[in-house]
Amino acid sequence: MRRGWSMVNRCNLCKENEESANHILIHCGKTRELWTLLLSSFGVVWVFPDSVRNLLLEWKIKGLGKKRSIVWRMAPICLFWCIWGEQNRRTFQEEELSDTRLRKLFLRSLFEWS
């Protein structure tokens, strides 16, 4: 309870699991859809680690070429940025993007960032 507000500790994206950075950025079903899109576009099969820290430490791949390597290195941060923005949009503006619009936002952002 904070300032008279009852705080529900549920993920605002999937409404199922407890909210934590690791859940929101890696394990949430909504987030996992973006990870699947990203990994499949690179032809990569990935076993997800338990934490954001470990994901970033293990986020390496060889043989992509210069341009694809840049996109690969930038991808987790871009995905985190898009998901965190969507989480804030749902929490503070009471609005949400459709799954399709969220995917397009992520792909557009990744393209623009790289």
N, C-alpha and C. Protein backbone atom coordinates (compact mmCIF):
# COMPACT_ATOMS: atom_id res chain seq x y z
N MET A 1 0.86 -1.17 0.00
CA MET A 1 0.00 0.00 0.00
C MET A 1 0.90 1.23 0.00
N ARG A 2 0.69 2.10 -0.95
CA ARG A 2 1.51 3.29 -1.07
C ARG A 2 0.58 4.48 -1.27
N ARG A 3 0.67 5.46 -0.38
CA ARG A 3 -0.14 6.68 -0.47
C ARG A 3 -1.62 6.38 -0.70
N GLY A 4 -2.12 5.38 -0.03
CA GLY A 4 -3.53 5.05 -0.15
C GLY A 4 -3.88 4.21 -1.36
N TRP A 5 -2.88 3.83 -2.16
CA TRP A 5 -3.11 3.01 -3.35
C TRP A 5 -2.74 1.57 -3.04
N SER A 6 -3.57 0.68 -3.43
CA SER A 6 -3.26 -0.74 -3.32
C SER A 6 -2.50 -1.14 -4.58
N MET A 7 -1.26 -1.57 -4.40
CA MET A 7 -0.41 -1.90 -5.54
C MET A 7 -0.53 -3.39 -5.89
N VAL A 8 -0.95 -3.68 -7.09
CA VAL A 8 -1.02 -5.05 -7.57
C VAL A 8 0.29 -5.35 -8.28
N ASN A 9 0.97 -6.38 -7.84
CA ASN A 9 2.27 -6.70 -8.41
C ASN A 9 2.14 -7.72 -9.54
N ARG A 10 1.39 -7.36 -10.56
CA ARG A 10 1.20 -8.21 -11.73
C ARG A 10 1.80 -7.52 -12.95
N CYS A 11 2.33 -8.33 -13.84
CA CYS A 11 2.87 -7.81 -15.09
C CYS A 11 1.75 -7.13 -15.87
N ASN A 12 1.99 -5.92 -16.30
CA ASN A 12 0.99 -5.14 -17.02
C ASN A 12 0.89 -5.57 -18.49
N LEU A 13 1.82 -6.40 -18.94
CA LEU A 13 1.79 -6.86 -20.32
C LEU A 13 0.96 -8.14 -20.48
N CYS A 14 1.23 -9.13 -19.63
CA CYS A 14 0.52 -10.41 -19.75
C CYS A 14 -0.58 -10.58 -18.71
N LYS A 15 -0.54 -9.78 -17.67
CA LYS A 15 -1.53 -9.82 -16.58
C LYS A 15 -1.55 -11.17 -15.84
N GLU A 16 -0.50 -11.95 -15.97
CA GLU A 16 -0.49 -13.28 -15.38
C GLU A 16 0.55 -13.45 -14.28
N ASN A 17 1.76 -13.05 -14.53
CA ASN A 17 2.85 -13.32 -13.60
C ASN A 17 3.23 -12.10 -12.79
N GLU A 18 4.01 -12.34 -11.76
CA GLU A 18 4.50 -11.26 -10.92
C GLU A 18 5.44 -10.37 -11.73
N GLU A 19 5.32 -9.08 -11.49
CA GLU A 19 6.12 -8.11 -12.21
C GLU A 19 7.54 -8.08 -11.66
N SER A 20 8.50 -8.24 -12.53
CA SER A 20 9.92 -8.06 -12.20
C SER A 20 10.61 -7.68 -13.51
N ALA A 21 11.78 -7.10 -13.41
CA ALA A 21 12.51 -6.72 -14.62
C ALA A 21 12.80 -7.95 -15.48
N ASN A 22 13.21 -9.04 -14.84
CA ASN A 22 13.51 -10.26 -15.60
C ASN A 22 12.27 -10.79 -16.31
N HIS A 23 11.14 -10.76 -15.64
CA HIS A 23 9.91 -11.24 -16.28
C HIS A 23 9.53 -10.33 -17.45
N ILE A 24 9.45 -9.03 -17.19
CA ILE A 24 9.00 -8.09 -18.22
C ILE A 24 9.91 -8.11 -19.45
N LEU A 25 11.22 -8.14 -19.24
CA LEU A 25 12.17 -8.00 -20.34
C LEU A 25 12.58 -9.31 -21.02
N ILE A 26 12.33 -10.45 -20.37
CA ILE A 26 12.73 -11.73 -20.96
C ILE A 26 11.60 -12.74 -21.02
N HIS A 27 10.95 -12.99 -19.90
CA HIS A 27 10.10 -14.16 -19.76
C HIS A 27 8.61 -13.95 -20.06
N CYS A 28 8.14 -12.73 -20.09
CA CYS A 28 6.73 -12.46 -20.37
C CYS A 28 6.37 -12.96 -21.78
N GLY A 29 5.19 -13.52 -21.92
CA GLY A 29 4.75 -14.03 -23.22
C GLY A 29 4.74 -12.96 -24.31
N LYS A 30 4.33 -11.74 -23.97
CA LYS A 30 4.32 -10.64 -24.95
C LYS A 30 5.74 -10.32 -25.40
N THR A 31 6.66 -10.29 -24.45
CA THR A 31 8.05 -10.01 -24.76
C THR A 31 8.66 -11.16 -25.56
N ARG A 32 8.30 -12.38 -25.18
CA ARG A 32 8.86 -13.56 -25.84
C ARG A 32 8.51 -13.58 -27.32
N GLU A 33 7.35 -13.03 -27.68
CA GLU A 33 6.98 -12.93 -29.10
C GLU A 33 8.00 -12.08 -29.87
N LEU A 34 8.45 -10.99 -29.25
CA LEU A 34 9.45 -10.14 -29.91
C LEU A 34 10.80 -10.85 -29.98
N TRP A 35 11.16 -11.54 -28.91
CA TRP A 35 12.42 -12.31 -28.93
C TRP A 35 12.38 -13.36 -30.04
N THR A 36 11.26 -14.04 -30.18
CA THR A 36 11.12 -15.08 -31.21
C THR A 36 11.26 -14.47 -32.60
N LEU A 37 10.62 -13.32 -32.82
CA LEU A 37 10.74 -12.61 -34.09
C LEU A 37 12.20 -12.27 -34.38
N LEU A 38 12.87 -11.72 -33.40
CA LEU A 38 14.27 -11.32 -33.56
C LEU A 38 15.15 -12.53 -33.87
N LEU A 39 15.06 -13.55 -33.04
CA LEU A 39 15.93 -14.72 -33.20
C LEU A 39 15.67 -15.44 -34.52
N SER A 40 14.41 -15.56 -34.90
CA SER A 40 14.11 -16.24 -36.16
C SER A 40 14.62 -15.46 -37.36
N SER A 41 14.63 -14.14 -37.27
CA SER A 41 15.14 -13.33 -38.39
C SER A 41 16.65 -13.51 -38.57
N PHE A 42 17.35 -13.91 -37.51
CA PHE A 42 18.78 -14.20 -37.59
C PHE A 42 19.05 -15.70 -37.76
N GLY A 43 18.00 -16.52 -37.72
CA GLY A 43 18.18 -17.96 -37.83
C GLY A 43 18.86 -18.57 -36.61
N VAL A 44 18.59 -18.00 -35.45
CA VAL A 44 19.26 -18.41 -34.21
C VAL A 44 18.27 -19.11 -33.29
N VAL A 45 18.73 -20.20 -32.68
CA VAL A 45 17.97 -20.87 -31.62
C VAL A 45 18.67 -20.50 -30.32
N TRP A 46 17.91 -20.07 -29.33
CA TRP A 46 18.49 -19.51 -28.11
C TRP A 46 17.80 -20.10 -26.89
N VAL A 47 18.59 -20.47 -25.91
CA VAL A 47 18.05 -20.86 -24.61
C VAL A 47 18.17 -19.63 -23.73
N PHE A 48 17.04 -19.12 -23.26
CA PHE A 48 17.05 -17.88 -22.50
C PHE A 48 17.59 -18.09 -21.09
N PRO A 49 18.49 -17.23 -20.68
CA PRO A 49 18.98 -17.29 -19.30
C PRO A 49 17.92 -16.77 -18.33
N ASP A 50 18.22 -16.89 -17.06
CA ASP A 50 17.25 -16.51 -16.02
C ASP A 50 17.16 -15.02 -15.79
N SER A 51 18.19 -14.26 -16.17
CA SER A 51 18.20 -12.83 -15.83
C SER A 51 18.64 -11.97 -17.00
N VAL A 52 18.28 -10.70 -16.92
CA VAL A 52 18.69 -9.71 -17.92
C VAL A 52 20.22 -9.63 -17.94
N ARG A 53 20.81 -9.62 -16.78
CA ARG A 53 22.28 -9.54 -16.69
C ARG A 53 22.93 -10.68 -17.46
N ASN A 54 22.48 -11.90 -17.21
CA ASN A 54 23.06 -13.05 -17.90
C ASN A 54 22.78 -13.03 -19.39
N LEU A 55 21.62 -12.55 -19.78
CA LEU A 55 21.31 -12.44 -21.21
C LEU A 55 22.32 -11.53 -21.89
N LEU A 56 22.58 -10.38 -21.29
CA LEU A 56 23.52 -9.43 -21.89
C LEU A 56 24.94 -9.98 -21.91
N LEU A 57 25.32 -10.72 -20.87
CA LEU A 57 26.66 -11.32 -20.83
C LEU A 57 26.82 -12.40 -21.90
N GLU A 58 25.76 -13.12 -22.21
CA GLU A 58 25.81 -14.23 -23.16
C GLU A 58 25.44 -13.83 -24.59
N TRP A 59 25.09 -12.57 -24.82
CA TRP A 59 24.58 -12.13 -26.12
C TRP A 59 25.74 -11.95 -27.11
N LYS A 60 26.25 -13.07 -27.59
CA LYS A 60 27.35 -13.03 -28.55
C LYS A 60 27.05 -14.02 -29.67
N ILE A 61 27.50 -13.67 -30.85
CA ILE A 61 27.37 -14.57 -32.00
C ILE A 61 28.48 -14.19 -32.98
N LYS A 62 29.02 -15.19 -33.64
CA LYS A 62 30.11 -14.94 -34.59
C LYS A 62 29.63 -15.20 -36.01
N GLY A 63 30.33 -14.59 -36.96
CA GLY A 63 30.09 -14.87 -38.36
C GLY A 63 28.91 -14.17 -39.00
N LEU A 64 28.48 -13.05 -38.44
CA LEU A 64 27.33 -12.34 -38.99
C LEU A 64 27.69 -11.30 -40.04
N GLY A 65 28.91 -10.88 -40.07
CA GLY A 65 29.27 -9.76 -40.93
C GLY A 65 29.11 -8.47 -40.15
N LYS A 66 29.71 -7.41 -40.65
CA LYS A 66 29.76 -6.15 -39.90
C LYS A 66 28.37 -5.56 -39.61
N LYS A 67 27.56 -5.37 -40.63
CA LYS A 67 26.24 -4.72 -40.46
C LYS A 67 25.32 -5.55 -39.57
N ARG A 68 25.24 -6.85 -39.84
CA ARG A 68 24.37 -7.71 -39.02
C ARG A 68 24.87 -7.81 -37.58
N SER A 69 26.19 -7.75 -37.39
CA SER A 69 26.75 -7.77 -36.03
C SER A 69 26.33 -6.54 -35.24
N ILE A 70 26.31 -5.40 -35.91
CA ILE A 70 25.88 -4.16 -35.25
C ILE A 70 24.42 -4.29 -34.81
N VAL A 71 23.58 -4.78 -35.71
CA VAL A 71 22.16 -4.96 -35.39
C VAL A 71 22.01 -5.96 -34.25
N TRP A 72 22.75 -7.06 -34.30
CA TRP A 72 22.68 -8.09 -33.26
C TRP A 72 23.03 -7.53 -31.89
N ARG A 73 24.12 -6.76 -31.82
CA ARG A 73 24.55 -6.20 -30.53
C ARG A 73 23.55 -5.19 -29.99
N MET A 74 22.90 -4.47 -30.87
CA MET A 74 21.96 -3.44 -30.47
C MET A 74 20.58 -4.01 -30.11
N ALA A 75 20.25 -5.16 -30.63
CA ALA A 75 18.90 -5.72 -30.54
C ALA A 75 18.35 -5.85 -29.12
N PRO A 76 19.10 -6.40 -28.15
CA PRO A 76 18.49 -6.53 -26.82
C PRO A 76 18.13 -5.18 -26.19
N ILE A 77 18.99 -4.19 -26.36
CA ILE A 77 18.72 -2.88 -25.77
C ILE A 77 17.50 -2.25 -26.44
N CYS A 78 17.40 -2.38 -27.75
CA CYS A 78 16.24 -1.86 -28.47
C CYS A 78 14.96 -2.56 -28.02
N LEU A 79 15.03 -3.88 -27.86
CA LEU A 79 13.86 -4.62 -27.41
C LEU A 79 13.47 -4.20 -26.00
N PHE A 80 14.46 -4.07 -25.13
CA PHE A 80 14.19 -3.61 -23.75
C PHE A 80 13.52 -2.23 -23.78
N TRP A 81 14.03 -1.34 -24.60
CA TRP A 81 13.50 0.02 -24.71
C TRP A 81 12.03 0.00 -25.14
N CYS A 82 11.71 -0.79 -26.15
CA CYS A 82 10.33 -0.87 -26.65
C CYS A 82 9.40 -1.48 -25.62
N ILE A 83 9.84 -2.54 -24.97
CA ILE A 83 9.00 -3.19 -23.96
C ILE A 83 8.80 -2.29 -22.75
N TRP A 84 9.86 -1.64 -22.31
CA TRP A 84 9.74 -0.74 -21.15
C TRP A 84 8.79 0.42 -21.49
N GLY A 85 8.90 0.94 -22.70
CA GLY A 85 7.98 2.00 -23.12
C GLY A 85 6.54 1.54 -23.15
N GLU A 86 6.31 0.32 -23.62
CA GLU A 86 4.96 -0.23 -23.65
C GLU A 86 4.44 -0.45 -22.24
N GLN A 87 5.30 -0.93 -21.36
CA GLN A 87 4.91 -1.12 -19.95
C GLN A 87 4.49 0.23 -19.35
N ASN A 88 5.27 1.27 -19.60
CA ASN A 88 4.94 2.60 -19.08
C ASN A 88 3.67 3.16 -19.72
N ARG A 89 3.49 2.91 -21.01
CA ARG A 89 2.27 3.37 -21.71
C ARG A 89 1.04 2.76 -21.04
N ARG A 90 1.10 1.49 -20.74
CA ARG A 90 -0.03 0.80 -20.11
C ARG A 90 -0.24 1.24 -18.67
N THR A 91 0.85 1.50 -17.97
CA THR A 91 0.76 1.87 -16.56
C THR A 91 0.30 3.31 -16.37
N PHE A 92 0.91 4.24 -17.10
CA PHE A 92 0.69 5.65 -16.83
C PHE A 92 -0.30 6.34 -17.77
N GLN A 93 -0.47 5.82 -18.98
CA GLN A 93 -1.38 6.43 -19.93
C GLN A 93 -2.64 5.60 -20.16
N GLU A 94 -2.67 4.42 -19.57
CA GLU A 94 -3.79 3.49 -19.71
C GLU A 94 -4.14 3.25 -21.18
N GLU A 95 -3.09 3.11 -21.99
CA GLU A 95 -3.22 2.79 -23.42
C GLU A 95 -2.31 1.61 -23.69
N GLU A 96 -2.60 0.89 -24.76
CA GLU A 96 -1.70 -0.19 -25.13
C GLU A 96 -1.67 -0.38 -26.64
N LEU A 97 -0.50 -0.74 -27.14
CA LEU A 97 -0.35 -1.05 -28.55
C LEU A 97 -0.82 -2.48 -28.80
N SER A 98 -1.37 -2.72 -29.97
CA SER A 98 -1.70 -4.10 -30.35
C SER A 98 -0.38 -4.86 -30.53
N ASP A 99 -0.47 -6.17 -30.54
CA ASP A 99 0.73 -6.98 -30.74
C ASP A 99 1.41 -6.63 -32.06
N THR A 100 0.62 -6.43 -33.09
CA THR A 100 1.16 -6.08 -34.41
C THR A 100 1.88 -4.74 -34.37
N ARG A 101 1.29 -3.74 -33.74
CA ARG A 101 1.92 -2.42 -33.66
C ARG A 101 3.19 -2.46 -32.81
N LEU A 102 3.18 -3.27 -31.76
CA LEU A 102 4.38 -3.40 -30.92
C LEU A 102 5.51 -4.06 -31.72
N ARG A 103 5.21 -5.08 -32.50
CA ARG A 103 6.22 -5.71 -33.36
C ARG A 103 6.77 -4.71 -34.37
N LYS A 104 5.88 -3.95 -34.99
CA LYS A 104 6.32 -2.95 -35.97
C LYS A 104 7.17 -1.87 -35.31
N LEU A 105 6.79 -1.44 -34.12
CA LEU A 105 7.57 -0.45 -33.39
C LEU A 105 8.98 -0.97 -33.12
N PHE A 106 9.06 -2.22 -32.67
CA PHE A 106 10.37 -2.81 -32.40
C PHE A 106 11.22 -2.89 -33.66
N LEU A 107 10.66 -3.41 -34.74
CA LEU A 107 11.43 -3.54 -35.98
C LEU A 107 11.85 -2.19 -36.54
N ARG A 108 10.95 -1.22 -36.51
CA ARG A 108 11.28 0.12 -36.98
C ARG A 108 12.37 0.75 -36.13
N SER A 109 12.24 0.61 -34.81
CA SER A 109 13.25 1.17 -33.90
C SER A 109 14.60 0.53 -34.14
N LEU A 110 14.63 -0.78 -34.28
CA LEU A 110 15.89 -1.48 -34.51
C LEU A 110 16.52 -1.02 -35.82
N PHE A 111 15.72 -0.86 -36.86
CA PHE A 111 16.21 -0.37 -38.14
C PHE A 111 16.77 1.05 -38.00
N GLU A 112 16.03 1.93 -37.32
CA GLU A 112 16.46 3.32 -37.17
C GLU A 112 17.70 3.43 -36.29
N TRP A 113 17.79 2.62 -35.26
CA TRP A 113 18.94 2.68 -34.36
C TRP A 113 20.23 2.19 -35.03
N SER A 114 20.08 1.29 -35.98
CA SER A 114 21.28 0.73 -36.60
C SER A 114 21.52 1.40 -37.94
